[in-house]
Amino acid sequence: MEDFIASIGQFSPYILMFVVIYFFFLRPQMKKQKQELNFSRKWFDFIFLYQFFMNFFKFVLNFMRKNIT
């Protein structure tokens, strides 16, 4: 049992370093990537809908012009 406690004591600095690196470096970076992905998805949706409606209105206007004349 004492050997087990001693081995945990030897690895505790490495475990602590991993926890610190995770919470101060990796986790904020993952949060930032998630925010950027959501932002880019919103812009993609906006641009896609804008292009869709512009093409739809062009189609309708061209159709109306052909049928009027």
N, C-alpha and C. Protein backbone atom coordinates (compact mmCIF):
# COMPACT_ATOMS: atom_id res chain seq x y z
N MET A 1 0.83 -1.20 0.00
CA MET A 1 0.00 0.00 0.00
C MET A 1 0.87 1.26 0.00
N GLU A 2 1.97 1.19 0.75
CA GLU A 2 2.85 2.35 0.82
C GLU A 2 3.53 2.59 -0.53
N ASP A 3 3.81 1.51 -1.26
CA ASP A 3 4.40 1.66 -2.59
C ASP A 3 3.44 2.35 -3.55
N PHE A 4 2.15 2.01 -3.41
CA PHE A 4 1.13 2.64 -4.27
C PHE A 4 1.03 4.14 -3.99
N ILE A 5 1.02 4.50 -2.74
CA ILE A 5 0.95 5.92 -2.35
C ILE A 5 2.21 6.65 -2.81
N ALA A 6 3.34 6.01 -2.71
CA ALA A 6 4.59 6.62 -3.14
C ALA A 6 4.60 6.81 -4.66
N SER A 7 4.06 5.84 -5.40
CA SER A 7 4.03 5.99 -6.86
C SER A 7 3.07 7.10 -7.28
N ILE A 8 1.95 7.25 -6.57
CA ILE A 8 1.04 8.37 -6.86
C ILE A 8 1.73 9.69 -6.57
N GLY A 9 2.49 9.74 -5.50
CA GLY A 9 3.23 10.95 -5.15
C GLY A 9 4.26 11.32 -6.20
N GLN A 10 4.84 10.32 -6.83
CA GLN A 10 5.83 10.60 -7.87
C GLN A 10 5.17 11.17 -9.13
N PHE A 11 3.96 10.73 -9.45
CA PHE A 11 3.28 11.18 -10.66
C PHE A 11 2.40 12.41 -10.45
N SER A 12 2.23 12.83 -9.20
CA SER A 12 1.34 13.97 -8.93
C SER A 12 1.78 15.26 -9.63
N PRO A 13 3.07 15.59 -9.76
CA PRO A 13 3.41 16.81 -10.51
C PRO A 13 3.00 16.74 -11.98
N TYR A 14 3.10 15.55 -12.59
CA TYR A 14 2.71 15.39 -13.99
C TYR A 14 1.19 15.52 -14.15
N ILE A 15 0.47 14.94 -13.20
CA ILE A 15 -1.00 15.05 -13.24
C ILE A 15 -1.41 16.50 -13.06
N LEU A 16 -0.79 17.19 -12.13
CA LEU A 16 -1.09 18.60 -11.90
C LEU A 16 -0.76 19.44 -13.13
N MET A 17 0.37 19.16 -13.78
CA MET A 17 0.72 19.91 -15.00
C MET A 17 -0.32 19.67 -16.09
N PHE A 18 -0.78 18.43 -16.25
CA PHE A 18 -1.80 18.14 -17.25
C PHE A 18 -3.09 18.89 -16.96
N VAL A 19 -3.52 18.91 -15.70
CA VAL A 19 -4.75 19.63 -15.33
C VAL A 19 -4.61 21.12 -15.60
N VAL A 20 -3.47 21.71 -15.25
CA VAL A 20 -3.25 23.14 -15.49
C VAL A 20 -3.24 23.43 -16.99
N ILE A 21 -2.53 22.62 -17.77
CA ILE A 21 -2.48 22.84 -19.22
C ILE A 21 -3.87 22.70 -19.82
N TYR A 22 -4.64 21.74 -19.37
CA TYR A 22 -5.98 21.54 -19.91
C TYR A 22 -6.86 22.76 -19.64
N PHE A 23 -6.90 23.21 -18.39
CA PHE A 23 -7.83 24.28 -18.03
C PHE A 23 -7.37 25.66 -18.50
N PHE A 24 -6.08 25.88 -18.67
CA PHE A 24 -5.60 27.20 -19.06
C PHE A 24 -5.28 27.33 -20.54
N PHE A 25 -5.07 26.21 -21.23
CA PHE A 25 -4.69 26.29 -22.64
C PHE A 25 -5.67 25.57 -23.56
N LEU A 26 -5.92 24.31 -23.30
CA LEU A 26 -6.72 23.51 -24.22
C LEU A 26 -8.21 23.87 -24.18
N ARG A 27 -8.76 24.01 -23.00
CA ARG A 27 -10.19 24.28 -22.89
C ARG A 27 -10.58 25.65 -23.47
N PRO A 28 -9.86 26.73 -23.18
CA PRO A 28 -10.22 28.01 -23.82
C PRO A 28 -10.06 27.97 -25.34
N GLN A 29 -9.07 27.23 -25.83
CA GLN A 29 -8.88 27.13 -27.27
C GLN A 29 -10.05 26.40 -27.92
N MET A 30 -10.53 25.33 -27.29
CA MET A 30 -11.69 24.61 -27.83
C MET A 30 -12.94 25.49 -27.79
N LYS A 31 -13.08 26.29 -26.75
CA LYS A 31 -14.23 27.19 -26.65
C LYS A 31 -14.17 28.25 -27.76
N LYS A 32 -12.99 28.77 -28.02
CA LYS A 32 -12.82 29.77 -29.08
C LYS A 32 -13.13 29.17 -30.45
N GLN A 33 -12.66 27.96 -30.69
CA GLN A 33 -12.94 27.29 -31.97
C GLN A 33 -14.44 27.07 -32.14
N LYS A 34 -15.13 26.70 -31.08
CA LYS A 34 -16.57 26.48 -31.15
C LYS A 34 -17.30 27.78 -31.48
N GLN A 35 -16.89 28.89 -30.87
CA GLN A 35 -17.50 30.18 -31.16
C GLN A 35 -17.25 30.60 -32.60
N GLU A 36 -16.04 30.40 -33.10
CA GLU A 36 -15.73 30.76 -34.48
C GLU A 36 -16.53 29.90 -35.46
N LEU A 37 -16.72 28.64 -35.13
CA LEU A 37 -17.49 27.76 -35.99
C LEU A 37 -18.94 28.21 -36.04
N ASN A 38 -19.52 28.56 -34.90
CA ASN A 38 -20.90 29.05 -34.87
C ASN A 38 -21.03 30.35 -35.66
N PHE A 39 -20.05 31.23 -35.52
CA PHE A 39 -20.08 32.50 -36.25
C PHE A 39 -20.02 32.25 -37.75
N SER A 40 -19.13 31.35 -38.19
CA SER A 40 -19.01 31.08 -39.62
C SER A 40 -20.26 30.40 -40.15
N ARG A 41 -20.91 29.55 -39.35
CA ARG A 41 -22.15 28.93 -39.79
C ARG A 41 -23.26 29.96 -39.97
N LYS A 42 -23.32 30.94 -39.07
CA LYS A 42 -24.34 31.99 -39.21
C LYS A 42 -24.11 32.79 -40.48
N TRP A 43 -22.87 33.13 -40.76
CA TRP A 43 -22.58 33.88 -41.98
C TRP A 43 -22.87 33.05 -43.22
N PHE A 44 -22.54 31.77 -43.18
CA PHE A 44 -22.82 30.90 -44.32
C PHE A 44 -24.32 30.85 -44.58
N ASP A 45 -25.11 30.70 -43.52
CA ASP A 45 -26.57 30.67 -43.69
C ASP A 45 -27.06 31.98 -44.28
N PHE A 46 -26.55 33.09 -43.79
CA PHE A 46 -26.98 34.39 -44.29
C PHE A 46 -26.64 34.54 -45.77
N ILE A 47 -25.42 34.21 -46.15
CA ILE A 47 -24.99 34.36 -47.54
C ILE A 47 -25.76 33.40 -48.43
N PHE A 48 -25.98 32.19 -47.98
CA PHE A 48 -26.74 31.22 -48.77
C PHE A 48 -28.16 31.72 -49.01
N LEU A 49 -28.82 32.20 -47.96
CA LEU A 49 -30.19 32.69 -48.13
C LEU A 49 -30.24 33.93 -49.01
N TYR A 50 -29.28 34.81 -48.87
CA TYR A 50 -29.22 36.01 -49.71
C TYR A 50 -29.10 35.63 -51.18
N GLN A 51 -28.19 34.73 -51.48
CA GLN A 51 -28.01 34.31 -52.87
C GLN A 51 -29.25 33.59 -53.39
N PHE A 52 -29.86 32.77 -52.55
CA PHE A 52 -31.06 32.06 -52.97
C PHE A 52 -32.16 33.04 -53.34
N PHE A 53 -32.43 34.02 -52.48
CA PHE A 53 -33.50 34.96 -52.76
C PHE A 53 -33.18 35.87 -53.94
N MET A 54 -31.93 36.26 -54.08
CA MET A 54 -31.56 37.10 -55.23
C MET A 54 -31.78 36.33 -56.54
N ASN A 55 -31.38 35.09 -56.58
CA ASN A 55 -31.59 34.29 -57.78
C ASN A 55 -33.08 34.03 -58.02
N PHE A 56 -33.80 33.81 -56.96
CA PHE A 56 -35.24 33.61 -57.10
C PHE A 56 -35.91 34.86 -57.67
N PHE A 57 -35.56 36.04 -57.17
CA PHE A 57 -36.17 37.27 -57.69
C PHE A 57 -35.76 37.53 -59.13
N LYS A 58 -34.53 37.22 -59.47
CA LYS A 58 -34.10 37.36 -60.87
C LYS A 58 -34.91 36.44 -61.77
N PHE A 59 -35.12 35.24 -61.32
CA PHE A 59 -35.92 34.29 -62.09
C PHE A 59 -37.34 34.80 -62.27
N VAL A 60 -37.95 35.27 -61.20
CA VAL A 60 -39.32 35.77 -61.27
C VAL A 60 -39.40 36.99 -62.20
N LEU A 61 -38.46 37.90 -62.08
CA LEU A 61 -38.48 39.08 -62.94
C LEU A 61 -38.30 38.72 -64.41
N ASN A 62 -37.39 37.82 -64.68
CA ASN A 62 -37.20 37.38 -66.07
C ASN A 62 -38.45 36.66 -66.60
N PHE A 63 -39.07 35.87 -65.78
CA PHE A 63 -40.29 35.18 -66.17
C PHE A 63 -41.41 36.17 -66.47
N MET A 64 -41.53 37.19 -65.61
CA MET A 64 -42.57 38.19 -65.83
C MET A 64 -42.30 39.00 -67.10
N ARG A 65 -41.04 39.34 -67.37
CA ARG A 65 -40.69 40.09 -68.57
C ARG A 65 -41.04 39.29 -69.82
N LYS A 66 -40.77 38.00 -69.81
CA LYS A 66 -41.05 37.16 -70.98
C LYS A 66 -42.55 37.03 -71.20
N ASN A 67 -43.33 36.96 -70.14
CA ASN A 67 -44.77 36.78 -70.28
C ASN A 67 -45.48 38.08 -70.60
N ILE A 68 -44.92 39.21 -70.24
CA ILE A 68 -45.57 40.49 -70.52
C ILE A 68 -45.44 40.83 -72.01
N THR A 69 -44.28 40.59 -72.57
CA THR A 69 -44.06 40.96 -73.98
C THR A 69 -44.55 39.92 -74.93
